Structure formats: structure tokens, C-alpha cells
Amino acid sequence: MTTNPLNSTLLPSGDTTGASSDASLLRVATYNIHKGVRGMGPNRRLEIHNLGLGVEALDADLVFLQEVRSFHHLEARRFQRSSFGWPTLPQADFLAPEGYAVAYRTNAVTRGGEHGNALLSRWPIGDIGHHDVSDHRFEQRGLLHVPVAWQGVELHAIVAHFGLIHASRVRQVERLAAFIEASVPPDAPLIVAGDFNDWGEKLDGPMGECGLSRAVAPSGKRPLTFPSRVPVFSLDRIYLRQLRCRSTFVPRGTNWARMSDHLPLVAELELAH
């Protein structure tokens, strides 16, 4: 691909390449891409092509994506005549940088199409799993589970997108805990990342009861990711088991603000010894 203009608004102070020079660090990102489309009515615009540049600029080893479409017939017809039309590939495959493995599963079926969670991995992946955690018929939610072979270690990645109601989110944490107990080896490093919709900052306790700690920088500051233009909430998060967070950052700027209603959260992790 061509040089990415988003790099100038991505990198934290002191970082000149976007990639970690320390092979012991794992860079992960979580990003709700809003189905690749922004705006309402006749002002709707296709952002999936810009999102492709954005995902590449993150230069993450693992990218946890939410609100990803495999297909949507209505949107495909709407944007087929635009200069950069609806991709012929499913969005997860379209967004994956060259050489990345792709895992995707549908969470919700809607009029004209569907959407779900995806994982893009620079490292080899194992069998892809999916677990329904829907709490009521108005919100279809799921967990995407992917084992990843990283530096000789099998770590487990779970992409999550929780509900809009607090009581639903608490029950979804309980279902997450049951799924982890049944499907993830107890000694395996684990990353659970995604959009938790936790407006009131109430989920860290229940997630801690699952053995998961929130990835925060040594300063303890919780990065704000929503809404993207003027972020005031920390809805997008990364939770860890047997891993430690070295740093976090959120890319800011006009380009990032227009692509989705969320900003991506990026963290650099290492194994906890």
C-alpha cells in the first residue's frame, strides 16, 4: 500500500515507527469500526477504505474489531457507484494488512445483512470459536475466541461487544467467565478486548472476579475513546490474564474522528513473570 497519511496523527510522543523495537512486547488494538459507514440518511459516507489505512497504521500484532460486516446487500447497492465502492471482500478480510490471519464470526443478522466480531493477527491462529452471549432478543451479542501462537506461547484472544443495559452486561460477564472456564486452559495467557459499553465504569470488579485485570498504563490513566470527536468515555478496553500492560495510547485527530464513532485503543503488553 502507499504511505499512510494517518501515521502523522497516530504515533505517541517519541515513537517514530509505530512498531515496537522490543520483540518481547505484543502490540494489540481494539476498535469498533461502526460497520465501515458514518453519517445519517443522504449524508451517509463509506469509511471502510480509510479504516483500512487506519488499521495498517496501528501496526498491531492483534487487532480486535467490533461491528464488522461480512456482507450487507443494501449498503453494497448504495455505495456501488461511489469512486471507492463497497468492497467485494468481507470487511475483516478487506481491512487485514498483508500477511495477517483473519478470524470472523457473525453476532447479529439484520435487514439486508449482518455484523459481528473479527480478529486480525500477525501471528498464526488456531481453531476459531464463537459463543452467543445475547441477553435479550433486541441485542444479539457474541464472543469470538481465537488461540494465537505468539513467540512460542499459545495465548487466547476473545473479542467482545457487550450490551447497552448494565444488567445485561453483568450477565454477559458471567457468561464470559463460564466460557473461559470451559474453553481456555487455566495457565494460558488471555486477552479479552472490545467495546464493553460500560458508561458507568462498573465492570472492572466483575471482570476481576473472572481473573482479568484491565490494561492501563503505569500512570493509571484510563484512555478515553468515545465519542471519537470529543472523547469523554472509556468504553473500549483490554482485559488481561498472565500479561502485563507496558503502555497504552489512543490516536487522535480529524482523520480518526471521522472514520468511526469510537477511537481505537492500543496497548503494548508483555508476559507477566
Protein backbone atom coordinates (compact mmCIF):
# COMPACT_ATOMS: atom_id res chain seq x y z
CA MET A 1 0.00 0.00 0.00
CA THR A 2 1.04 3.64 -0.33
CA THR A 3 2.49 5.68 2.52
CA ASN A 4 -0.19 6.15 5.11
CA PRO A 5 -1.04 9.80 5.89
CA LEU A 6 -2.69 8.72 9.15
CA ASN A 7 0.69 7.89 10.69
CA SER A 8 1.27 11.56 11.44
CA THR A 9 -1.73 11.61 13.76
CA LEU A 10 -1.25 8.14 15.20
CA LEU A 11 2.05 7.83 16.95
CA PRO A 12 2.64 8.67 20.60
CA SER A 13 5.35 11.13 21.50
CA GLY A 14 8.81 9.66 20.89
CA ASP A 15 7.62 6.80 18.65
CA THR A 16 8.88 7.18 15.09
CA THR A 17 7.90 3.90 13.50
CA GLY A 18 4.63 2.76 15.03
CA ALA A 19 6.17 -0.66 15.78
CA SER A 20 7.76 -1.87 18.97
CA SER A 21 11.51 -2.48 18.78
CA ASP A 22 11.24 -4.99 21.66
CA ALA A 23 10.33 -8.48 20.40
CA SER A 24 9.07 -9.42 23.87
CA LEU A 25 6.24 -6.89 23.56
CA LEU A 26 2.90 -7.66 21.95
CA ARG A 27 1.05 -4.69 20.46
CA VAL A 28 -2.73 -5.09 20.48
CA ALA A 29 -5.52 -2.77 19.40
CA THR A 30 -9.28 -2.80 19.83
CA TYR A 31 -11.53 -0.81 17.50
CA ASN A 32 -15.28 -0.55 16.94
CA ILE A 33 -15.45 0.35 13.24
CA HIS A 34 -19.20 1.19 13.11
CA LYS A 35 -19.73 -1.16 10.15
CA GLY A 36 -17.48 0.97 7.94
CA VAL A 37 -20.11 3.69 7.39
CA ARG A 38 -20.70 7.08 9.04
CA GLY A 39 -23.48 9.67 8.90
CA MET A 40 -27.23 9.55 8.54
CA GLY A 41 -29.63 9.46 5.58
CA PRO A 42 -28.33 11.07 2.38
CA ASN A 43 -25.18 12.19 4.24
CA ARG A 44 -24.03 8.62 4.88
CA ARG A 45 -20.48 8.08 3.72
CA LEU A 46 -18.35 5.00 3.25
CA GLU A 47 -15.27 4.95 5.52
CA ILE A 48 -14.09 1.37 5.07
CA HIS A 49 -11.25 2.40 2.74
CA ASN A 50 -9.94 4.95 5.24
CA LEU A 51 -10.33 2.37 8.00
CA GLY A 52 -8.06 0.05 6.01
CA LEU A 53 -5.34 2.70 6.12
CA GLY A 54 -6.04 3.27 9.81
CA VAL A 55 -5.75 -0.40 10.76
CA GLU A 56 -2.47 -0.64 8.87
CA ALA A 57 -1.16 2.46 10.66
CA LEU A 58 -1.87 0.91 14.07
CA ASP A 59 0.81 -1.70 13.25
CA ALA A 60 -0.63 -4.02 15.91
CA ASP A 61 0.13 -7.71 16.24
CA LEU A 62 -3.52 -8.36 17.13
CA VAL A 63 -6.46 -6.17 16.12
CA PHE A 64 -9.77 -6.81 17.90
CA LEU A 65 -12.62 -5.43 15.77
CA GLN A 66 -16.30 -4.95 16.54
CA GLU A 67 -19.28 -4.04 14.32
CA VAL A 68 -17.70 -5.66 11.26
CA ARG A 69 -19.79 -6.74 8.28
CA SER A 70 -19.26 -9.85 6.21
CA PHE A 71 -21.96 -8.66 3.81
CA HIS A 72 -24.77 -6.14 3.56
CA HIS A 73 -26.76 -6.09 0.34
CA LEU A 74 -28.42 -2.70 0.95
CA GLU A 75 -25.18 -0.86 1.74
CA ALA A 76 -23.41 -2.57 -1.16
CA ARG A 77 -26.05 -1.25 -3.59
CA ARG A 78 -25.99 2.20 -2.02
CA PHE A 79 -22.24 2.66 -2.40
CA GLN A 80 -21.58 0.69 -5.59
CA ARG A 81 -21.44 3.86 -7.71
CA SER A 82 -19.07 5.78 -5.42
CA SER A 83 -15.47 6.31 -6.52
CA PHE A 84 -14.36 3.89 -3.80
CA GLY A 85 -17.25 1.47 -3.63
CA TRP A 86 -18.33 -1.25 -1.23
CA PRO A 87 -15.54 -3.85 -1.03
CA THR A 88 -16.10 -7.18 -2.74
CA LEU A 89 -14.34 -8.88 0.18
CA PRO A 90 -15.87 -9.24 3.66
CA GLN A 91 -14.80 -6.24 5.74
CA ALA A 92 -12.45 -8.22 8.02
CA ASP A 93 -10.53 -9.60 5.03
CA PHE A 94 -10.52 -6.19 3.36
CA LEU A 95 -9.09 -4.50 6.48
CA ALA A 96 -6.40 -7.10 7.20
CA PRO A 97 -2.87 -5.94 6.33
CA GLU A 98 -0.94 -8.20 4.00
CA GLY A 99 0.10 -11.45 5.67
CA TYR A 100 -2.36 -11.24 8.58
CA ALA A 101 -4.62 -14.15 9.52
CA VAL A 102 -8.33 -13.31 9.79
CA ALA A 103 -10.97 -14.70 12.13
CA TYR A 104 -14.61 -13.60 11.90
CA ARG A 105 -17.97 -14.72 13.22
CA THR A 106 -21.43 -13.14 12.90
CA ASN A 107 -23.18 -11.85 16.02
CA ALA A 108 -26.32 -10.24 14.59
CA VAL A 109 -28.44 -10.73 11.48
CA THR A 110 -30.20 -7.56 10.36
CA ARG A 111 -32.26 -6.32 7.43
CA GLY A 112 -30.08 -6.68 4.36
CA GLY A 113 -27.04 -8.14 6.08
CA GLU A 114 -25.25 -8.93 9.33
CA HIS A 115 -22.35 -7.89 11.54
CA GLY A 116 -20.03 -9.41 14.12
CA ASN A 117 -16.56 -9.50 15.67
CA ALA A 118 -13.20 -10.08 14.00
CA LEU A 119 -9.59 -10.66 14.94
CA LEU A 120 -6.69 -9.77 12.65
CA SER A 121 -3.45 -11.48 13.66
CA ARG A 122 0.15 -11.08 12.57
CA TRP A 123 0.77 -14.43 14.26
CA PRO A 124 -0.64 -17.89 13.36
CA ILE A 125 -4.09 -18.67 14.71
CA GLY A 126 -5.82 -21.90 15.74
CA ASP A 127 -9.43 -23.07 15.59
CA ILE A 128 -11.94 -20.21 15.68
CA GLY A 129 -14.72 -20.38 18.26
CA HIS A 130 -17.90 -18.38 18.81
CA HIS A 131 -20.15 -18.18 21.85
CA ASP A 132 -23.54 -16.47 21.96
CA VAL A 133 -23.95 -14.18 24.99
CA SER A 134 -27.14 -12.41 23.86
CA ASP A 135 -29.18 -11.32 26.88
CA HIS A 136 -32.45 -10.45 25.12
CA ARG A 137 -33.89 -10.56 21.63
CA PHE A 138 -33.24 -6.89 20.85
CA GLU A 139 -29.43 -7.20 21.10
CA GLN A 140 -27.55 -10.10 19.50
CA ARG A 141 -24.11 -10.36 21.09
CA GLY A 142 -21.30 -12.89 20.86
CA LEU A 143 -17.73 -13.71 21.86
CA LEU A 144 -15.12 -14.53 19.21
CA HIS A 145 -12.45 -16.87 20.60
CA VAL A 146 -9.13 -17.39 18.80
CA PRO A 147 -5.96 -19.15 20.04
CA VAL A 148 -2.81 -17.36 18.81
CA ALA A 149 0.73 -18.76 18.59
CA TRP A 150 2.98 -15.91 19.73
CA GLN A 151 6.73 -16.31 20.35
CA GLY A 152 6.31 -19.97 21.23
CA VAL A 153 3.41 -19.28 23.59
CA GLU A 154 -0.25 -20.08 22.96
CA LEU A 155 -2.27 -17.11 24.11
CA HIS A 156 -6.02 -16.85 23.80
CA ALA A 157 -7.82 -13.83 22.34
CA ILE A 158 -11.51 -13.11 22.92
CA VAL A 159 -13.23 -10.27 21.06
CA ALA A 160 -16.24 -8.93 22.97
CA HIS A 161 -19.02 -6.43 22.37
CA PHE A 162 -21.32 -6.13 25.37
CA GLY A 163 -24.88 -4.81 25.60
CA LEU A 164 -26.33 -1.37 26.19
CA ILE A 165 -28.03 -2.22 29.51
CA HIS A 166 -25.94 -2.59 32.67
CA ALA A 167 -27.80 -5.65 33.96
CA SER A 168 -27.22 -7.33 30.59
CA ARG A 169 -23.52 -6.55 30.76
CA VAL A 170 -23.24 -8.11 34.23
CA ARG A 171 -24.88 -11.30 32.96
CA GLN A 172 -22.59 -11.25 29.92
CA VAL A 173 -19.56 -11.11 32.21
CA GLU A 174 -20.94 -14.19 33.97
CA ARG A 175 -21.30 -15.97 30.64
CA LEU A 176 -17.80 -14.86 29.67
CA ALA A 177 -16.46 -16.36 32.91
CA ALA A 178 -18.21 -19.67 32.23
CA PHE A 179 -16.90 -19.71 28.66
CA ILE A 180 -13.32 -19.04 29.80
CA GLU A 181 -13.51 -21.82 32.38
CA ALA A 182 -14.81 -24.26 29.77
CA SER A 183 -12.71 -23.24 26.76
CA VAL A 184 -9.42 -21.61 27.84
CA PRO A 185 -6.65 -23.55 29.60
CA PRO A 186 -6.22 -22.13 33.13
CA ASP A 187 -2.50 -21.46 32.65
CA ALA A 188 -2.80 -19.77 29.24
CA PRO A 189 -2.28 -16.02 28.78
CA LEU A 190 -5.61 -14.42 27.87
CA ILE A 191 -6.70 -11.13 26.30
CA VAL A 192 -10.34 -10.06 26.29
CA ALA A 193 -10.79 -6.84 24.34
CA GLY A 194 -13.59 -4.90 22.71
CA ASP A 195 -16.39 -2.42 23.25
CA PHE A 196 -17.84 -3.02 26.72
CA ASN A 197 -20.39 -0.16 26.67
CA ASP A 198 -19.60 0.37 30.36
CA TRP A 199 -20.64 4.01 30.68
CA GLY A 200 -20.68 3.91 34.47
CA GLU A 201 -17.27 2.23 34.98
CA LYS A 202 -18.83 -0.71 36.84
CA LEU A 203 -17.37 -3.77 35.12
CA ASP A 204 -13.80 -3.87 36.43
CA GLY A 205 -14.97 -5.63 39.61
CA PRO A 206 -16.93 -8.40 37.87
CA MET A 207 -14.13 -8.83 35.31
CA GLY A 208 -11.65 -9.09 38.18
CA GLU A 209 -13.69 -11.95 39.60
CA CYS A 210 -13.01 -13.73 36.27
CA GLY A 211 -9.27 -13.32 36.89
CA LEU A 212 -8.98 -10.46 34.38
CA SER A 213 -7.30 -7.12 35.06
CA ARG A 214 -7.79 -4.01 32.97
CA ALA A 215 -4.86 -2.90 30.82
CA VAL A 216 -3.84 0.56 31.97
CA ALA A 217 -0.58 2.45 31.62
CA PRO A 218 1.71 2.68 34.67
CA SER A 219 0.30 6.17 35.25
CA GLY A 220 -3.11 4.58 35.87
CA LYS A 221 -4.76 6.88 33.34
CA ARG A 222 -7.71 5.31 31.51
CA PRO A 223 -7.70 6.34 27.84
CA LEU A 224 -10.92 7.89 26.50
CA THR A 225 -12.25 6.53 23.20
CA PHE A 226 -15.90 7.60 22.83
CA PRO A 227 -17.29 9.65 21.15
CA SER A 228 -14.44 9.97 18.70
CA ARG A 229 -14.71 13.72 18.11
CA VAL A 230 -14.60 14.69 21.78
CA PRO A 231 -13.99 11.50 23.79
CA VAL A 232 -15.26 11.50 27.36
CA PHE A 233 -15.90 7.77 27.98
CA SER A 234 -13.59 4.78 28.22
CA LEU A 235 -15.83 2.21 26.54
CA ASP A 236 -13.14 0.37 24.58
CA ARG A 237 -10.97 -1.77 26.82
CA ILE A 238 -8.42 -4.55 27.05
CA TYR A 239 -8.51 -7.04 29.94
CA LEU A 240 -5.61 -9.38 30.69
CA ARG A 241 -4.65 -12.59 32.43
CA GLN A 242 -0.98 -13.55 32.83
CA LEU A 243 0.02 -10.49 30.81
CA ARG A 244 1.14 -7.05 31.93
CA CYS A 245 0.49 -3.70 30.25
CA ARG A 246 3.55 -1.58 29.49
CA SER A 247 1.82 1.32 27.74
CA THR A 248 -1.42 2.49 26.15
CA PHE A 249 -2.35 5.20 23.70
CA VAL A 250 -5.31 6.41 21.65
CA PRO A 251 -4.70 8.01 18.24
CA ARG A 252 -6.38 11.38 17.89
CA GLY A 253 -7.03 13.85 15.08
CA THR A 254 -9.58 14.74 12.43
CA ASN A 255 -8.91 11.66 10.32
CA TRP A 256 -9.52 9.29 13.21
CA ALA A 257 -12.58 11.19 14.40
CA ARG A 258 -14.37 10.87 11.06
CA MET A 259 -13.84 7.13 10.49
CA SER A 260 -15.93 5.78 13.38
CA ASP A 261 -17.79 7.00 16.45
CA HIS A 262 -15.10 5.20 18.51
CA LEU A 263 -11.34 5.73 18.58
CA PRO A 264 -9.05 2.70 18.69
CA LEU A 265 -7.26 1.79 21.91
CA VAL A 266 -3.73 0.45 21.53
CA ALA A 267 -1.65 -1.26 24.22
CA GLU A 268 1.77 -2.85 24.42
CA LEU A 269 1.83 -5.99 26.55
CA GLU A 270 4.37 -8.41 27.94
CA LEU A 271 4.12 -11.76 29.68
CA ALA A 272 3.75 -11.47 33.44
CA HIS A 273 6.50 -13.46 35.15
